[in-house]
Amino acid sequence: MTSTFLLLESKPSDTPGRKTFIWLEVINWVLFAIFTSVYFGLKSPILGALDTVLGLVLTAWSLLVNYRIDKKAALNILPRFLWLLLAGYVSVYVALMNKDMLFDIGPFIGN
C-alpha cells in the first residue's frame, strides 16, 4: 500500500485541503509521541484519555480532508481511525475507573 504522504506528494501544492491535512497529521503524530509521557510518566489517565480522544477527532478530520483530495490515500488513514475508536473508548473507561495521580482525583466510577 502506498504511503498517504507519497500519494499527496504527487498533488499540486495548491490542492485544496493539502496543507490542512499535513498540519493535522503533524499534530496527530505529536499527540501519539507524547501519550506515553502523559499517561505513564505523569501517571495521568485523564490526560491520556484527552490525548487519545483528541487524536481520534483530528484523525476523523484528517480522514475527511484527505478523502476530498484522494480517496485511495484516505484508505491508509482508516485503520488508524478504527484503532483510535477502540483506544478512545478504552482510555476514557480507564480514566473513569482509576485514580489520576497528577490531578489527585478519581476514580469516578467504581470503588
N, C-alpha and C. Protein backbone atom coordinates (compact mmCIF):
# COMPACT_ATOMS: atom_id res chain seq x y z
N MET A 1 0.85 -1.17 0.00
CA MET A 1 0.00 0.00 0.00
C MET A 1 0.90 1.24 0.00
N THR A 2 0.60 2.17 -0.82
CA THR A 2 1.39 3.39 -0.94
C THR A 2 1.11 4.33 0.22
N SER A 3 2.16 5.00 0.69
CA SER A 3 2.03 5.95 1.79
C SER A 3 1.11 7.10 1.41
N THR A 4 0.35 7.56 2.40
CA THR A 4 -0.56 8.69 2.19
C THR A 4 0.22 9.91 1.76
N PHE A 5 1.37 10.14 2.38
CA PHE A 5 2.17 11.32 2.02
C PHE A 5 2.71 11.22 0.60
N LEU A 6 3.08 10.02 0.16
CA LEU A 6 3.55 9.87 -1.21
C LEU A 6 2.42 10.12 -2.21
N LEU A 7 1.23 9.67 -1.87
CA LEU A 7 0.10 9.93 -2.75
C LEU A 7 -0.22 11.43 -2.81
N LEU A 8 -0.09 12.11 -1.68
CA LEU A 8 -0.34 13.55 -1.66
C LEU A 8 0.78 14.35 -2.30
N GLU A 9 1.99 13.79 -2.26
CA GLU A 9 3.13 14.49 -2.85
C GLU A 9 2.95 14.70 -4.35
N SER A 10 2.25 13.80 -4.98
CA SER A 10 2.03 13.92 -6.42
C SER A 10 0.99 14.98 -6.77
N LYS A 11 0.28 15.47 -5.76
CA LYS A 11 -0.73 16.51 -5.99
C LYS A 11 -0.05 17.88 -6.01
N PRO A 12 -0.61 18.82 -6.76
CA PRO A 12 -0.06 20.19 -6.75
C PRO A 12 -0.11 20.79 -5.35
N SER A 13 0.86 21.62 -5.00
CA SER A 13 0.94 22.20 -3.65
C SER A 13 -0.24 23.10 -3.32
N ASP A 14 -0.95 23.58 -4.35
CA ASP A 14 -2.12 24.42 -4.08
C ASP A 14 -3.43 23.63 -4.06
N THR A 15 -3.34 22.31 -3.96
CA THR A 15 -4.53 21.46 -3.87
C THR A 15 -5.31 21.83 -2.60
N PRO A 16 -6.59 22.12 -2.73
CA PRO A 16 -7.39 22.49 -1.55
C PRO A 16 -7.35 21.40 -0.49
N GLY A 17 -7.05 21.78 0.74
CA GLY A 17 -7.02 20.85 1.86
C GLY A 17 -5.68 20.18 2.10
N ARG A 18 -4.74 20.31 1.18
CA ARG A 18 -3.44 19.63 1.32
C ARG A 18 -2.69 20.12 2.55
N LYS A 19 -2.59 21.43 2.73
CA LYS A 19 -1.87 21.98 3.89
C LYS A 19 -2.59 21.62 5.19
N THR A 20 -3.90 21.69 5.18
CA THR A 20 -4.68 21.32 6.37
C THR A 20 -4.39 19.88 6.75
N PHE A 21 -4.41 19.00 5.77
CA PHE A 21 -4.13 17.59 6.02
C PHE A 21 -2.74 17.41 6.63
N ILE A 22 -1.75 18.07 6.08
CA ILE A 22 -0.38 17.93 6.59
C ILE A 22 -0.29 18.40 8.04
N TRP A 23 -0.91 19.54 8.37
CA TRP A 23 -0.88 20.03 9.74
C TRP A 23 -1.63 19.10 10.69
N LEU A 24 -2.75 18.57 10.24
CA LEU A 24 -3.48 17.61 11.08
C LEU A 24 -2.64 16.38 11.38
N GLU A 25 -1.92 15.91 10.39
CA GLU A 25 -1.06 14.74 10.58
C GLU A 25 0.10 15.06 11.53
N VAL A 26 0.69 16.23 11.40
CA VAL A 26 1.78 16.62 12.30
C VAL A 26 1.28 16.63 13.74
N ILE A 27 0.15 17.26 13.97
CA ILE A 27 -0.41 17.34 15.33
C ILE A 27 -0.76 15.94 15.84
N ASN A 28 -1.32 15.11 14.97
CA ASN A 28 -1.65 13.74 15.36
C ASN A 28 -0.42 12.97 15.81
N TRP A 29 0.66 13.09 15.09
CA TRP A 29 1.87 12.33 15.44
C TRP A 29 2.55 12.90 16.68
N VAL A 30 2.40 14.20 16.93
CA VAL A 30 2.90 14.77 18.19
C VAL A 30 2.09 14.19 19.35
N LEU A 31 0.78 14.14 19.20
CA LEU A 31 -0.07 13.54 20.25
C LEU A 31 0.33 12.08 20.50
N PHE A 32 0.56 11.36 19.43
CA PHE A 32 0.97 9.96 19.55
C PHE A 32 2.30 9.86 20.30
N ALA A 33 3.23 10.76 20.00
CA ALA A 33 4.55 10.73 20.62
C ALA A 33 4.52 11.08 22.10
N ILE A 34 3.61 11.94 22.53
CA ILE A 34 3.59 12.35 23.93
C ILE A 34 2.69 11.48 24.81
N PHE A 35 1.93 10.58 24.22
CA PHE A 35 0.99 9.77 25.01
C PHE A 35 1.69 9.04 26.14
N THR A 36 2.78 8.37 25.87
CA THR A 36 3.48 7.59 26.89
C THR A 36 3.92 8.48 28.04
N SER A 37 4.40 9.66 27.73
CA SER A 37 4.85 10.58 28.77
C SER A 37 3.71 11.06 29.66
N VAL A 38 2.58 11.41 29.06
CA VAL A 38 1.48 11.92 29.88
C VAL A 38 0.76 10.81 30.64
N TYR A 39 0.63 9.66 30.02
CA TYR A 39 -0.10 8.58 30.69
C TYR A 39 0.76 7.88 31.73
N PHE A 40 1.94 7.42 31.32
CA PHE A 40 2.79 6.66 32.24
C PHE A 40 3.73 7.57 33.03
N GLY A 41 4.33 8.55 32.38
CA GLY A 41 5.28 9.43 33.06
C GLY A 41 4.61 10.30 34.11
N LEU A 42 3.54 10.96 33.73
CA LEU A 42 2.82 11.83 34.67
C LEU A 42 1.75 11.07 35.46
N LYS A 43 1.55 9.80 35.11
CA LYS A 43 0.55 8.94 35.77
C LYS A 43 -0.83 9.59 35.73
N SER A 44 -1.20 10.02 34.52
CA SER A 44 -2.46 10.71 34.35
C SER A 44 -3.34 10.05 33.30
N PRO A 45 -4.24 9.16 33.73
CA PRO A 45 -5.17 8.58 32.77
C PRO A 45 -6.09 9.63 32.15
N ILE A 46 -6.34 10.72 32.87
CA ILE A 46 -7.18 11.78 32.31
C ILE A 46 -6.49 12.42 31.11
N LEU A 47 -5.22 12.80 31.26
CA LEU A 47 -4.50 13.38 30.12
C LEU A 47 -4.32 12.36 29.01
N GLY A 48 -4.12 11.09 29.38
CA GLY A 48 -4.03 10.04 28.37
C GLY A 48 -5.31 9.92 27.57
N ALA A 49 -6.45 9.99 28.26
CA ALA A 49 -7.75 9.92 27.58
C ALA A 49 -7.97 11.15 26.70
N LEU A 50 -7.62 12.33 27.21
CA LEU A 50 -7.75 13.56 26.40
C LEU A 50 -6.89 13.48 25.15
N ASP A 51 -5.66 13.00 25.31
CA ASP A 51 -4.74 12.84 24.18
C ASP A 51 -5.34 11.90 23.14
N THR A 52 -5.87 10.76 23.59
CA THR A 52 -6.42 9.76 22.68
C THR A 52 -7.68 10.26 21.98
N VAL A 53 -8.57 10.89 22.72
CA VAL A 53 -9.82 11.38 22.13
C VAL A 53 -9.52 12.53 21.16
N LEU A 54 -8.60 13.41 21.52
CA LEU A 54 -8.20 14.47 20.60
C LEU A 54 -7.59 13.88 19.33
N GLY A 55 -6.78 12.84 19.49
CA GLY A 55 -6.22 12.15 18.33
C GLY A 55 -7.30 11.55 17.45
N LEU A 56 -8.34 11.00 18.07
CA LEU A 56 -9.47 10.45 17.32
C LEU A 56 -10.18 11.54 16.51
N VAL A 57 -10.45 12.66 17.16
CA VAL A 57 -11.14 13.77 16.48
C VAL A 57 -10.29 14.30 15.32
N LEU A 58 -9.00 14.49 15.56
CA LEU A 58 -8.13 15.01 14.50
C LEU A 58 -7.95 14.00 13.37
N THR A 59 -7.92 12.72 13.72
CA THR A 59 -7.82 11.69 12.68
C THR A 59 -9.09 11.65 11.83
N ALA A 60 -10.24 11.80 12.46
CA ALA A 60 -11.50 11.85 11.70
C ALA A 60 -11.49 13.05 10.76
N TRP A 61 -11.04 14.18 11.24
CA TRP A 61 -10.95 15.39 10.41
C TRP A 61 -9.96 15.16 9.27
N SER A 62 -8.81 14.59 9.59
CA SER A 62 -7.79 14.28 8.59
C SER A 62 -8.33 13.33 7.53
N LEU A 63 -9.09 12.34 7.97
CA LEU A 63 -9.69 11.38 7.05
C LEU A 63 -10.65 12.07 6.08
N LEU A 64 -11.49 12.97 6.61
CA LEU A 64 -12.43 13.70 5.75
C LEU A 64 -11.72 14.62 4.76
N VAL A 65 -10.72 15.34 5.25
CA VAL A 65 -9.96 16.24 4.37
C VAL A 65 -9.27 15.44 3.28
N ASN A 66 -8.64 14.33 3.69
CA ASN A 66 -7.91 13.51 2.73
C ASN A 66 -8.84 12.83 1.74
N TYR A 67 -10.03 12.45 2.19
CA TYR A 67 -11.00 11.81 1.30
C TYR A 67 -11.37 12.75 0.15
N ARG A 68 -11.47 14.04 0.44
CA ARG A 68 -11.79 15.01 -0.61
C ARG A 68 -10.65 15.19 -1.60
N ILE A 69 -9.41 14.94 -1.13
CA ILE A 69 -8.25 15.10 -2.01
C ILE A 69 -8.00 13.83 -2.82
N ASP A 70 -7.96 12.69 -2.13
CA ASP A 70 -7.61 11.43 -2.77
C ASP A 70 -8.22 10.27 -1.98
N LYS A 71 -9.24 9.65 -2.54
CA LYS A 71 -9.95 8.58 -1.84
C LYS A 71 -9.04 7.40 -1.52
N LYS A 72 -8.12 7.08 -2.41
CA LYS A 72 -7.20 5.97 -2.18
C LYS A 72 -6.28 6.28 -1.00
N ALA A 73 -5.79 7.48 -0.92
CA ALA A 73 -4.92 7.87 0.19
C ALA A 73 -5.68 7.85 1.51
N ALA A 74 -6.96 8.20 1.48
CA ALA A 74 -7.76 8.21 2.70
C ALA A 74 -7.89 6.80 3.29
N LEU A 75 -7.86 5.79 2.44
CA LEU A 75 -7.95 4.42 2.94
C LEU A 75 -6.79 4.07 3.87
N ASN A 76 -5.64 4.74 3.68
CA ASN A 76 -4.49 4.49 4.54
C ASN A 76 -4.72 5.00 5.97
N ILE A 77 -5.60 5.96 6.14
CA ILE A 77 -5.87 6.53 7.45
C ILE A 77 -6.97 5.76 8.18
N LEU A 78 -7.77 5.05 7.44
CA LEU A 78 -8.91 4.33 8.03
C LEU A 78 -8.51 3.37 9.16
N PRO A 79 -7.46 2.55 9.02
CA PRO A 79 -7.10 1.66 10.15
C PRO A 79 -6.75 2.43 11.43
N ARG A 80 -6.06 3.56 11.30
CA ARG A 80 -5.73 4.36 12.48
C ARG A 80 -7.00 4.91 13.12
N PHE A 81 -7.95 5.36 12.28
CA PHE A 81 -9.22 5.86 12.80
C PHE A 81 -9.96 4.76 13.57
N LEU A 82 -10.02 3.56 13.00
CA LEU A 82 -10.69 2.45 13.67
C LEU A 82 -9.99 2.07 14.98
N TRP A 83 -8.65 2.07 14.95
CA TRP A 83 -7.90 1.78 16.17
C TRP A 83 -8.20 2.83 17.24
N LEU A 84 -8.25 4.10 16.86
CA LEU A 84 -8.49 5.16 17.83
C LEU A 84 -9.93 5.14 18.36
N LEU A 85 -10.87 4.61 17.60
CA LEU A 85 -12.22 4.40 18.14
C LEU A 85 -12.17 3.47 19.35
N LEU A 86 -11.46 2.36 19.20
CA LEU A 86 -11.32 1.42 20.29
C LEU A 86 -10.47 2.02 21.41
N ALA A 87 -9.33 2.60 21.07
CA ALA A 87 -8.43 3.16 22.07
C ALA A 87 -9.09 4.31 22.83
N GLY A 88 -9.89 5.11 22.14
CA GLY A 88 -10.60 6.20 22.80
C GLY A 88 -11.57 5.68 23.84
N TYR A 89 -12.34 4.66 23.49
CA TYR A 89 -13.27 4.05 24.44
C TYR A 89 -12.52 3.51 25.65
N VAL A 90 -11.46 2.76 25.40
CA VAL A 90 -10.69 2.15 26.49
C VAL A 90 -10.05 3.22 27.37
N SER A 91 -9.47 4.24 26.77
CA SER A 91 -8.78 5.26 27.57
C SER A 91 -9.75 6.07 28.44
N VAL A 92 -10.93 6.35 27.94
CA VAL A 92 -11.94 7.05 28.75
C VAL A 92 -12.40 6.14 29.90
N TYR A 93 -12.61 4.88 29.61
CA TYR A 93 -13.00 3.92 30.65
C TYR A 93 -11.93 3.84 31.73
N VAL A 94 -10.67 3.73 31.33
CA VAL A 94 -9.56 3.65 32.29
C VAL A 94 -9.49 4.93 33.12
N ALA A 95 -9.68 6.09 32.49
CA ALA A 95 -9.65 7.36 33.22
C ALA A 95 -10.78 7.44 34.24
N LEU A 96 -11.93 6.88 33.91
CA LEU A 96 -13.06 6.91 34.85
C LEU A 96 -12.89 5.92 36.00
N MET A 97 -12.21 4.81 35.75
CA MET A 97 -12.11 3.74 36.74
C MET A 97 -10.88 3.82 37.64
N ASN A 98 -9.94 4.74 37.35
CA ASN A 98 -8.68 4.78 38.08
C ASN A 98 -8.40 6.16 38.65
N LYS A 99 -7.58 6.18 39.67
CA LYS A 99 -7.15 7.45 40.25
C LYS A 99 -6.12 8.09 39.34
N ASP A 100 -6.25 9.38 39.17
CA ASP A 100 -5.27 10.16 38.41
C ASP A 100 -4.29 10.75 39.42
N MET A 101 -3.05 10.28 39.37
CA MET A 101 -2.05 10.70 40.35
C MET A 101 -1.63 12.17 40.14
N LEU A 102 -1.66 12.64 38.91
CA LEU A 102 -1.26 14.02 38.63
C LEU A 102 -2.25 15.01 39.24
N PHE A 103 -3.52 14.79 39.01
CA PHE A 103 -4.56 15.69 39.50
C PHE A 103 -5.10 15.28 40.87
N ASP A 104 -4.69 14.11 41.35
CA ASP A 104 -5.12 13.57 42.64
C ASP A 104 -6.64 13.51 42.74
N ILE A 105 -7.26 12.96 41.70
CA ILE A 105 -8.71 12.78 41.69
C ILE A 105 -9.05 11.41 41.14
N GLY A 106 -10.27 10.97 41.42
CA GLY A 106 -10.76 9.71 40.88
C GLY A 106 -10.60 8.60 41.91
N PRO A 107 -11.08 7.44 41.59
CA PRO A 107 -11.85 7.08 40.40
C PRO A 107 -13.25 7.70 40.44
N PHE A 108 -13.81 7.87 39.28
CA PHE A 108 -15.13 8.50 39.15
C PHE A 108 -16.25 7.45 39.14
N ILE A 109 -15.90 6.23 38.77
CA ILE A 109 -16.86 5.12 38.73
C ILE A 109 -16.21 3.95 39.43
N GLY A 110 -16.97 3.19 40.14
CA GLY A 110 -16.42 2.00 40.80
C GLY A 110 -16.16 2.27 42.27
N ASN A 111 -15.10 1.68 42.78
CA ASN A 111 -14.78 1.72 44.22
C ASN A 111 -14.82 3.12 44.73
